[in-house]
Amino acid sequence: MSELASRLGIKPIYLSQLAARQDGREPSAALCVDLERETDNKVRRWDLRPKDWHRIWPELIGADGAPAIPEPAAEQGA
């Protein structure tokens, strides 16, 4: 993990926190792209940002392996 963190320009502890989703941490859109590239697509952007990947990267909708677009949360009080 240290080598990957180094290639990404982040600290290993931060990478570990992201992997554990500690305190709801999510990687930035740019870091998601870097992680996908540095892991040869073993870690996918949509897995890192499951709630909003389709808004950030609409060009990935319908791509091989892409998950379904998440349903919007029910509005409060509706």
N, C-alpha and C. Protein backbone atom coordinates (compact mmCIF):
# COMPACT_ATOMS: atom_id res chain seq x y z
N MET A 1 0.83 -1.19 0.00
CA MET A 1 0.00 0.00 0.00
C MET A 1 0.87 1.25 0.00
N SER A 2 2.04 1.17 0.63
CA SER A 2 2.94 2.33 0.67
C SER A 2 3.40 2.72 -0.72
N GLU A 3 3.69 1.72 -1.55
CA GLU A 3 4.15 2.02 -2.91
C GLU A 3 3.04 2.70 -3.71
N LEU A 4 1.83 2.19 -3.61
CA LEU A 4 0.70 2.80 -4.32
C LEU A 4 0.47 4.22 -3.82
N ALA A 5 0.49 4.41 -2.53
CA ALA A 5 0.30 5.75 -1.96
C ALA A 5 1.37 6.70 -2.48
N SER A 6 2.60 6.23 -2.54
CA SER A 6 3.69 7.05 -3.04
C SER A 6 3.46 7.45 -4.50
N ARG A 7 3.03 6.49 -5.31
CA ARG A 7 2.76 6.80 -6.73
C ARG A 7 1.62 7.80 -6.87
N LEU A 8 0.69 7.77 -5.92
CA LEU A 8 -0.45 8.69 -5.95
C LEU A 8 -0.15 10.04 -5.33
N GLY A 9 0.97 10.13 -4.61
CA GLY A 9 1.35 11.38 -3.96
C GLY A 9 0.57 11.64 -2.69
N ILE A 10 0.13 10.56 -2.04
CA ILE A 10 -0.60 10.69 -0.78
C ILE A 10 0.07 9.83 0.28
N LYS A 11 -0.29 10.05 1.52
CA LYS A 11 0.28 9.27 2.62
C LYS A 11 -0.42 7.92 2.71
N PRO A 12 0.32 6.87 3.05
CA PRO A 12 -0.29 5.54 3.19
C PRO A 12 -1.47 5.51 4.15
N ILE A 13 -1.39 6.27 5.24
CA ILE A 13 -2.49 6.28 6.21
C ILE A 13 -3.76 6.83 5.58
N TYR A 14 -3.63 7.83 4.72
CA TYR A 14 -4.80 8.39 4.04
C TYR A 14 -5.40 7.36 3.08
N LEU A 15 -4.55 6.65 2.36
CA LEU A 15 -5.04 5.61 1.46
C LEU A 15 -5.78 4.53 2.25
N SER A 16 -5.24 4.17 3.39
CA SER A 16 -5.88 3.19 4.26
C SER A 16 -7.24 3.70 4.75
N GLN A 17 -7.30 4.96 5.12
CA GLN A 17 -8.55 5.55 5.58
C GLN A 17 -9.59 5.58 4.46
N LEU A 18 -9.15 5.87 3.25
CA LEU A 18 -10.07 5.85 2.11
C LEU A 18 -10.59 4.44 1.87
N ALA A 19 -9.71 3.47 1.92
CA ALA A 19 -10.10 2.08 1.67
C ALA A 19 -11.11 1.61 2.71
N ALA A 20 -10.98 2.08 3.94
CA ALA A 20 -11.89 1.70 5.02
C ALA A 20 -13.12 2.61 5.08
N ARG A 21 -13.14 3.62 4.23
CA ARG A 21 -14.21 4.63 4.24
C ARG A 21 -14.39 5.23 5.64
N GLN A 22 -13.25 5.38 6.32
CA GLN A 22 -13.24 5.91 7.68
C GLN A 22 -13.91 7.28 7.72
N ASP A 23 -14.85 7.43 8.64
CA ASP A 23 -15.58 8.68 8.83
C ASP A 23 -16.21 9.17 7.53
N GLY A 24 -16.60 8.24 6.66
CA GLY A 24 -17.26 8.60 5.41
C GLY A 24 -16.34 9.19 4.36
N ARG A 25 -15.04 9.00 4.53
CA ARG A 25 -14.09 9.58 3.57
C ARG A 25 -14.31 9.01 2.17
N GLU A 26 -14.23 9.90 1.18
CA GLU A 26 -14.28 9.52 -0.22
C GLU A 26 -13.14 10.22 -0.94
N PRO A 27 -12.53 9.54 -1.90
CA PRO A 27 -11.48 10.21 -2.66
C PRO A 27 -12.08 11.25 -3.61
N SER A 28 -11.29 12.25 -3.91
CA SER A 28 -11.72 13.25 -4.89
C SER A 28 -11.88 12.57 -6.25
N ALA A 29 -12.57 13.25 -7.15
CA ALA A 29 -12.75 12.70 -8.50
C ALA A 29 -11.39 12.48 -9.15
N ALA A 30 -10.47 13.42 -8.99
CA ALA A 30 -9.15 13.28 -9.60
C ALA A 30 -8.40 12.09 -9.01
N LEU A 31 -8.49 11.89 -7.70
CA LEU A 31 -7.81 10.77 -7.08
C LEU A 31 -8.42 9.44 -7.53
N CYS A 32 -9.73 9.42 -7.74
CA CYS A 32 -10.38 8.21 -8.25
C CYS A 32 -9.80 7.81 -9.60
N VAL A 33 -9.62 8.77 -10.47
CA VAL A 33 -9.04 8.50 -11.80
C VAL A 33 -7.62 7.98 -11.64
N ASP A 34 -6.85 8.61 -10.77
CA ASP A 34 -5.46 8.18 -10.53
C ASP A 34 -5.41 6.77 -9.95
N LEU A 35 -6.29 6.48 -9.01
CA LEU A 35 -6.33 5.14 -8.41
C LEU A 35 -6.69 4.08 -9.45
N GLU A 36 -7.65 4.39 -10.28
CA GLU A 36 -8.05 3.45 -11.33
C GLU A 36 -6.87 3.18 -12.26
N ARG A 37 -6.19 4.24 -12.66
CA ARG A 37 -5.04 4.10 -13.57
C ARG A 37 -3.90 3.33 -12.90
N GLU A 38 -3.57 3.69 -11.68
CA GLU A 38 -2.43 3.08 -10.99
C GLU A 38 -2.67 1.62 -10.60
N THR A 39 -3.93 1.20 -10.56
CA THR A 39 -4.24 -0.19 -10.23
C THR A 39 -4.62 -0.99 -11.48
N ASP A 40 -4.36 -0.43 -12.65
CA ASP A 40 -4.71 -1.09 -13.92
C ASP A 40 -6.17 -1.53 -13.93
N ASN A 41 -7.04 -0.65 -13.49
CA ASN A 41 -8.49 -0.85 -13.47
C ASN A 41 -8.96 -1.93 -12.49
N LYS A 42 -8.11 -2.35 -11.58
CA LYS A 42 -8.56 -3.30 -10.54
C LYS A 42 -9.46 -2.58 -9.54
N VAL A 43 -9.21 -1.31 -9.33
CA VAL A 43 -10.07 -0.46 -8.51
C VAL A 43 -10.73 0.50 -9.49
N ARG A 44 -12.05 0.47 -9.52
CA ARG A 44 -12.77 1.28 -10.50
C ARG A 44 -13.36 2.53 -9.85
N ARG A 45 -13.45 3.58 -10.65
CA ARG A 45 -13.99 4.86 -10.16
C ARG A 45 -15.38 4.69 -9.56
N TRP A 46 -16.20 3.91 -10.21
CA TRP A 46 -17.58 3.76 -9.72
C TRP A 46 -17.64 3.04 -8.39
N ASP A 47 -16.63 2.23 -8.09
CA ASP A 47 -16.58 1.59 -6.78
C ASP A 47 -16.14 2.56 -5.69
N LEU A 48 -15.34 3.53 -6.08
CA LEU A 48 -14.84 4.51 -5.12
C LEU A 48 -15.87 5.60 -4.81
N ARG A 49 -16.74 5.88 -5.77
CA ARG A 49 -17.77 6.91 -5.61
C ARG A 49 -19.12 6.33 -6.05
N PRO A 50 -19.63 5.32 -5.31
CA PRO A 50 -20.83 4.61 -5.77
C PRO A 50 -22.09 5.45 -5.85
N LYS A 51 -22.18 6.52 -5.09
CA LYS A 51 -23.40 7.32 -5.08
C LYS A 51 -23.47 8.35 -6.20
N ASP A 52 -22.30 8.83 -6.66
CA ASP A 52 -22.33 9.93 -7.62
C ASP A 52 -21.44 9.73 -8.84
N TRP A 53 -20.93 8.53 -9.05
CA TRP A 53 -20.01 8.31 -10.18
C TRP A 53 -20.63 8.73 -11.50
N HIS A 54 -21.91 8.48 -11.68
CA HIS A 54 -22.57 8.77 -12.95
C HIS A 54 -22.70 10.27 -13.22
N ARG A 55 -22.68 11.07 -12.17
CA ARG A 55 -22.72 12.53 -12.34
C ARG A 55 -21.34 13.08 -12.67
N ILE A 56 -20.32 12.47 -12.08
CA ILE A 56 -18.95 12.95 -12.29
C ILE A 56 -18.42 12.50 -13.65
N TRP A 57 -18.71 11.24 -14.00
CA TRP A 57 -18.21 10.66 -15.25
C TRP A 57 -19.36 10.08 -16.07
N PRO A 58 -20.24 10.92 -16.61
CA PRO A 58 -21.40 10.40 -17.36
C PRO A 58 -20.99 9.56 -18.56
N GLU A 59 -19.79 9.76 -19.05
CA GLU A 59 -19.32 8.97 -20.20
C GLU A 59 -19.15 7.49 -19.85
N LEU A 60 -19.12 7.16 -18.56
CA LEU A 60 -18.97 5.76 -18.14
C LEU A 60 -20.30 5.02 -18.02
N ILE A 61 -21.41 5.74 -18.12
CA ILE A 61 -22.72 5.08 -18.04
C ILE A 61 -22.82 4.10 -19.20
N GLY A 62 -23.12 2.87 -18.88
CA GLY A 62 -23.25 1.83 -19.91
C GLY A 62 -21.95 1.16 -20.30
N ALA A 63 -20.84 1.59 -19.69
CA ALA A 63 -19.54 0.96 -19.99
C ALA A 63 -19.54 -0.47 -19.45
N ASP A 64 -18.71 -1.32 -20.04
CA ASP A 64 -18.59 -2.70 -19.56
C ASP A 64 -18.26 -2.72 -18.08
N GLY A 65 -19.08 -3.42 -17.31
CA GLY A 65 -18.84 -3.55 -15.88
C GLY A 65 -19.42 -2.44 -15.03
N ALA A 66 -19.93 -1.38 -15.66
CA ALA A 66 -20.47 -0.26 -14.89
C ALA A 66 -21.73 -0.71 -14.16
N PRO A 67 -21.88 -0.29 -12.91
CA PRO A 67 -23.10 -0.64 -12.17
C PRO A 67 -24.29 0.18 -12.68
N ALA A 68 -25.45 -0.23 -12.23
CA ALA A 68 -26.65 0.55 -12.54
C ALA A 68 -26.55 1.91 -11.85
N ILE A 69 -27.19 2.88 -12.43
CA ILE A 69 -27.22 4.20 -11.81
C ILE A 69 -28.05 4.10 -10.54
N PRO A 70 -27.49 4.58 -9.42
CA PRO A 70 -28.24 4.48 -8.16
C PRO A 70 -29.53 5.26 -8.19
N GLU A 71 -30.54 4.71 -7.54
CA GLU A 71 -31.82 5.39 -7.43
C GLU A 71 -31.68 6.59 -6.51
N PRO A 72 -32.33 7.70 -6.85
CA PRO A 72 -32.27 8.85 -5.94
C PRO A 72 -32.96 8.50 -4.62
N ALA A 73 -32.43 9.03 -3.56
CA ALA A 73 -33.03 8.81 -2.23
C ALA A 73 -34.41 9.44 -2.20
N ALA A 74 -35.34 8.81 -1.52
CA ALA A 74 -36.70 9.38 -1.40
C ALA A 74 -36.61 10.72 -0.68
N GLU A 75 -37.36 11.66 -1.18
CA GLU A 75 -37.32 12.99 -0.56
C GLU A 75 -37.97 12.93 0.82
N GLN A 76 -37.41 13.70 1.74
CA GLN A 76 -37.94 13.76 3.09
C GLN A 76 -39.33 14.40 3.06
N GLY A 77 -40.25 13.81 3.77
CA GLY A 77 -41.59 14.38 3.90
C GLY A 77 -42.47 14.20 2.69
N ALA A 78 -42.02 13.45 1.70
CA ALA A 78 -42.83 13.28 0.49
C ALA A 78 -43.87 12.21 0.68
